[in-house]
Amino acid sequence: MREKTKIWHLHFKKRFFDQWGDGVEEVEAALQGTGGGSGHRGSSKIFFLTQEASATKAVILLLSKLYCPKRSDKEAENISWDAEAFSEPLLMERIIDVLSEFLSSEENDGLLIDPNVWRSASESGGQVAYFCTSFAGVVVDILEMILNLQADKFCRHKASLFPILCSIVRVQSGEIRHLVSDIFRKQIGPMIQVTDSEQKAV
């Protein structure tokens, strides 16, 4: 999964190099000229990671809307193709890739990051040139989507989601940890027959 994410990252960088030039100097100059990235160490890396995170967020948002549509039964009958079946494998594959890479980056780079960066994970992107900080907002969106999944849809993917959720509990971001806690209460609690009143009593 990590190798696939690296390939996406390299492809994304190549597309920008094709547009801006053969090296990072043109990108650095553009960033300085627009005021974006000035004053940051490794501003071109921040630029690429931020753009990649935005693109990933858009893809996940689109796939999640196809997988969890909010339309009436009458509107659903007019759809000539199975959007849920189409989007489900693509969405889950991308979710696992992003969460896995986020965990790897947080584990490897976490000690180098000022803890204040994690006060609001959804707003930490673009401050430091690391995958975990640039994609923190994407991870928040993913966790909120998992939290709001219908029980049967979550159950279908519990084998792949449960281990990675257990790992995310250890990350530095309080916002992310609280979302994981909510997921355990709402999605996993009923599976192990723990009632709402029992959860609130803890």
Protein backbone atom coordinates (compact mmCIF):
# COMPACT_ATOMS: atom_id res chain seq x y z
CA MET A 1 0.00 0.00 0.00
CA ARG A 2 2.81 2.36 0.90
CA GLU A 3 4.47 1.66 -2.47
CA LYS A 4 1.25 2.51 -4.29
CA THR A 5 0.98 5.80 -2.39
CA LYS A 6 4.57 6.66 -3.33
CA ILE A 7 3.77 5.98 -6.99
CA TRP A 8 0.77 8.36 -6.74
CA HIS A 9 3.01 10.96 -5.11
CA LEU A 10 5.71 10.67 -7.80
CA HIS A 11 3.11 10.83 -10.56
CA PHE A 12 1.59 13.95 -8.99
CA LYS A 13 5.02 15.62 -8.77
CA LYS A 14 5.79 14.73 -12.39
CA ARG A 15 2.58 16.39 -13.57
CA PHE A 16 3.53 19.59 -11.75
CA PHE A 17 7.09 19.49 -13.09
CA ASP A 18 5.64 19.19 -16.61
CA GLN A 19 3.63 22.34 -15.93
CA TRP A 20 6.21 24.40 -14.03
CA GLY A 21 9.54 23.21 -15.47
CA ASP A 22 12.27 20.62 -15.03
CA GLY A 23 13.23 21.45 -11.44
CA VAL A 24 11.90 22.77 -8.17
CA GLU A 25 13.37 26.23 -8.74
CA GLU A 26 10.41 27.30 -10.87
CA VAL A 27 7.97 26.07 -8.25
CA GLU A 28 9.91 27.80 -5.47
CA ALA A 29 9.91 31.03 -7.47
CA ALA A 30 6.18 30.78 -8.09
CA LEU A 31 5.52 30.16 -4.43
CA GLN A 32 7.64 33.10 -3.37
CA GLY A 33 5.99 35.29 -5.99
CA THR A 34 2.49 34.52 -4.73
CA GLY A 35 3.42 34.57 -1.05
CA GLY A 36 2.54 30.88 -0.67
CA GLY A 37 5.04 28.79 1.22
CA SER A 38 7.33 31.73 2.04
CA GLY A 39 9.12 31.42 5.31
CA HIS A 40 8.72 27.64 5.42
CA ARG A 41 11.60 25.21 5.13
CA GLY A 42 11.09 22.94 2.11
CA SER A 43 8.27 25.02 0.68
CA SER A 44 8.15 23.03 -2.59
CA LYS A 45 7.56 19.82 -0.61
CA ILE A 46 4.77 21.53 1.33
CA PHE A 47 3.32 22.69 -1.99
CA PHE A 48 3.26 19.19 -3.47
CA LEU A 49 1.92 17.54 -0.32
CA THR A 50 -0.81 20.17 0.07
CA GLN A 51 -1.91 19.79 -3.55
CA GLU A 52 -1.83 16.01 -3.30
CA ALA A 53 -3.87 16.12 -0.08
CA SER A 54 -6.47 18.38 -1.73
CA ALA A 55 -6.76 16.03 -4.70
CA THR A 56 -7.06 12.99 -2.44
CA LYS A 57 -9.71 14.72 -0.33
CA ALA A 58 -11.75 15.46 -3.46
CA VAL A 59 -11.50 11.86 -4.69
CA ILE A 60 -12.57 10.46 -1.31
CA LEU A 61 -15.45 12.95 -1.08
CA LEU A 62 -16.71 11.96 -4.53
CA LEU A 63 -16.42 8.23 -3.85
CA SER A 64 -18.07 8.56 -0.44
CA LYS A 65 -21.04 10.38 -1.98
CA LEU A 66 -21.42 7.54 -4.49
CA TYR A 67 -21.06 4.93 -1.75
CA CYS A 68 -23.35 6.65 0.75
CA PRO A 69 -25.84 8.58 -1.40
CA LYS A 70 -28.43 10.86 0.17
CA ARG A 71 -31.27 10.52 -2.26
CA SER A 72 -34.86 9.34 -2.10
CA ASP A 73 -35.84 5.83 -3.18
CA LYS A 74 -37.50 7.31 -6.27
CA GLU A 75 -34.30 9.06 -7.31
CA ALA A 76 -32.28 5.91 -6.64
CA GLU A 77 -34.52 3.95 -9.03
CA ASN A 78 -33.56 6.31 -11.85
CA ILE A 79 -29.86 5.49 -11.54
CA SER A 80 -28.92 3.15 -14.38
CA TRP A 81 -25.73 1.82 -12.77
CA ASP A 82 -24.77 0.54 -9.34
CA ALA A 83 -22.82 3.47 -7.93
CA GLU A 84 -22.34 1.78 -4.57
CA ALA A 85 -20.79 -1.37 -6.06
CA PHE A 86 -18.55 0.75 -8.29
CA SER A 87 -17.29 3.09 -5.58
CA GLU A 88 -16.96 0.68 -2.63
CA PRO A 89 -13.67 -1.07 -3.54
CA LEU A 90 -12.08 2.15 -4.82
CA LEU A 91 -13.05 4.10 -1.70
CA MET A 92 -11.92 1.46 0.78
CA GLU A 93 -8.63 0.92 -1.00
CA ARG A 94 -7.89 4.65 -0.94
CA ILE A 95 -8.94 4.95 2.71
CA ILE A 96 -6.61 2.13 3.81
CA ASP A 97 -3.74 3.58 1.73
CA VAL A 98 -4.08 7.06 3.25
CA LEU A 99 -4.51 5.83 6.83
CA SER A 100 -1.55 3.45 6.51
CA GLU A 101 0.73 6.13 5.10
CA PHE A 102 -0.46 8.59 7.74
CA LEU A 103 0.42 6.14 10.52
CA SER A 104 3.83 5.44 9.01
CA SER A 105 4.63 9.14 8.66
CA GLU A 106 3.34 9.96 12.15
CA GLU A 107 5.48 7.20 13.65
CA ASN A 108 8.63 8.16 11.75
CA ASP A 109 8.31 11.96 11.82
CA GLY A 110 6.17 12.57 14.89
CA LEU A 111 9.10 13.34 17.20
CA LEU A 112 10.25 16.08 14.81
CA ILE A 113 6.91 17.91 14.88
CA ASP A 114 5.95 20.62 17.36
CA PRO A 115 3.06 19.21 19.47
CA ASN A 116 1.19 22.51 18.98
CA VAL A 117 0.69 21.54 15.33
CA TRP A 118 -1.75 18.85 16.48
CA ARG A 119 -4.09 21.20 18.38
CA SER A 120 -6.41 21.10 15.38
CA ALA A 121 -5.52 18.27 13.02
CA SER A 122 -7.98 19.42 10.36
CA GLU A 123 -6.09 22.74 10.10
CA SER A 124 -2.51 21.45 10.42
CA GLY A 125 -1.88 20.86 6.73
CA GLY A 126 0.66 23.11 5.05
CA GLN A 127 2.49 24.08 8.25
CA VAL A 128 5.17 21.36 8.15
CA ALA A 129 6.32 19.32 5.15
CA TYR A 130 5.33 15.86 6.37
CA PHE A 131 2.69 13.49 5.05
CA CYS A 132 1.04 13.14 8.46
CA THR A 133 0.54 16.89 8.91
CA SER A 134 -0.44 17.59 5.30
CA PHE A 135 -2.98 14.75 5.26
CA ALA A 136 -4.34 15.23 8.79
CA GLY A 137 -7.44 17.01 7.45
CA VAL A 138 -8.01 14.16 4.98
CA VAL A 139 -7.76 11.65 7.83
CA VAL A 140 -10.34 13.64 9.84
CA ASP A 141 -12.73 13.55 6.86
CA ILE A 142 -12.17 9.79 6.46
CA LEU A 143 -12.86 9.10 10.13
CA GLU A 144 -16.01 11.22 10.08
CA MET A 145 -17.20 9.24 7.06
CA ILE A 146 -16.47 5.93 8.83
CA LEU A 147 -18.31 7.20 11.91
CA ASN A 148 -21.42 7.91 9.82
CA LEU A 149 -21.37 4.69 7.79
CA GLN A 150 -24.43 2.50 7.99
CA ALA A 151 -23.82 -0.44 10.31
CA ASP A 152 -23.96 -3.05 7.55
CA LYS A 153 -21.43 -1.16 5.43
CA PHE A 154 -19.02 -0.81 8.33
CA CYS A 155 -19.47 -4.50 9.17
CA ARG A 156 -18.46 -5.52 5.64
CA HIS A 157 -15.06 -3.86 6.11
CA LYS A 158 -14.48 -4.42 9.82
CA ALA A 159 -11.60 -6.84 9.17
CA SER A 160 -9.54 -4.16 7.39
CA LEU A 161 -10.71 -1.15 9.39
CA PHE A 162 -10.47 -2.49 12.94
CA PRO A 163 -6.67 -3.07 13.05
CA ILE A 164 -5.85 0.31 11.57
CA LEU A 165 -8.30 2.09 13.90
CA CYS A 166 -6.57 0.42 16.85
CA SER A 167 -3.26 1.84 15.62
CA ILE A 168 -4.65 5.35 15.08
CA VAL A 169 -5.63 5.48 18.76
CA ARG A 170 -1.92 6.06 19.52
CA VAL A 171 -1.38 9.16 17.33
CA GLN A 172 -0.64 12.56 18.85
CA SER A 173 -3.68 14.41 17.53
CA GLY A 174 -6.44 14.64 20.14
CA GLU A 175 -9.00 15.47 17.43
CA ILE A 176 -8.19 12.26 15.56
CA ARG A 177 -8.13 10.12 18.73
CA HIS A 178 -11.56 11.44 19.77
CA LEU A 179 -13.00 10.55 16.37
CA VAL A 180 -11.62 7.02 16.67
CA SER A 181 -13.15 6.80 20.15
CA ASP A 182 -16.53 7.82 18.71
CA ILE A 183 -16.19 5.16 16.00
CA PHE A 184 -15.50 2.47 18.59
CA ARG A 185 -18.57 3.52 20.57
CA LYS A 186 -20.95 3.84 17.65
CA GLN A 187 -19.77 1.16 15.22
CA ILE A 188 -17.93 -1.45 17.26
CA GLY A 189 -19.83 -1.22 20.57
CA PRO A 190 -23.03 -2.77 19.15
CA MET A 191 -21.00 -5.59 17.54
CA ILE A 192 -19.74 -6.69 20.95
CA GLN A 193 -23.16 -6.08 22.50
CA VAL A 194 -22.20 -3.08 24.60
CA THR A 195 -25.22 -0.82 25.05
CA ASP A 196 -25.17 2.99 25.00
CA SER A 197 -25.93 3.10 28.72
CA GLU A 198 -23.02 0.79 29.47
CA GLN A 199 -20.68 2.92 27.37
CA LYS A 200 -21.80 6.12 29.13
CA ALA A 201 -21.23 4.50 32.51
CA VAL A 202 -17.53 4.03 31.79
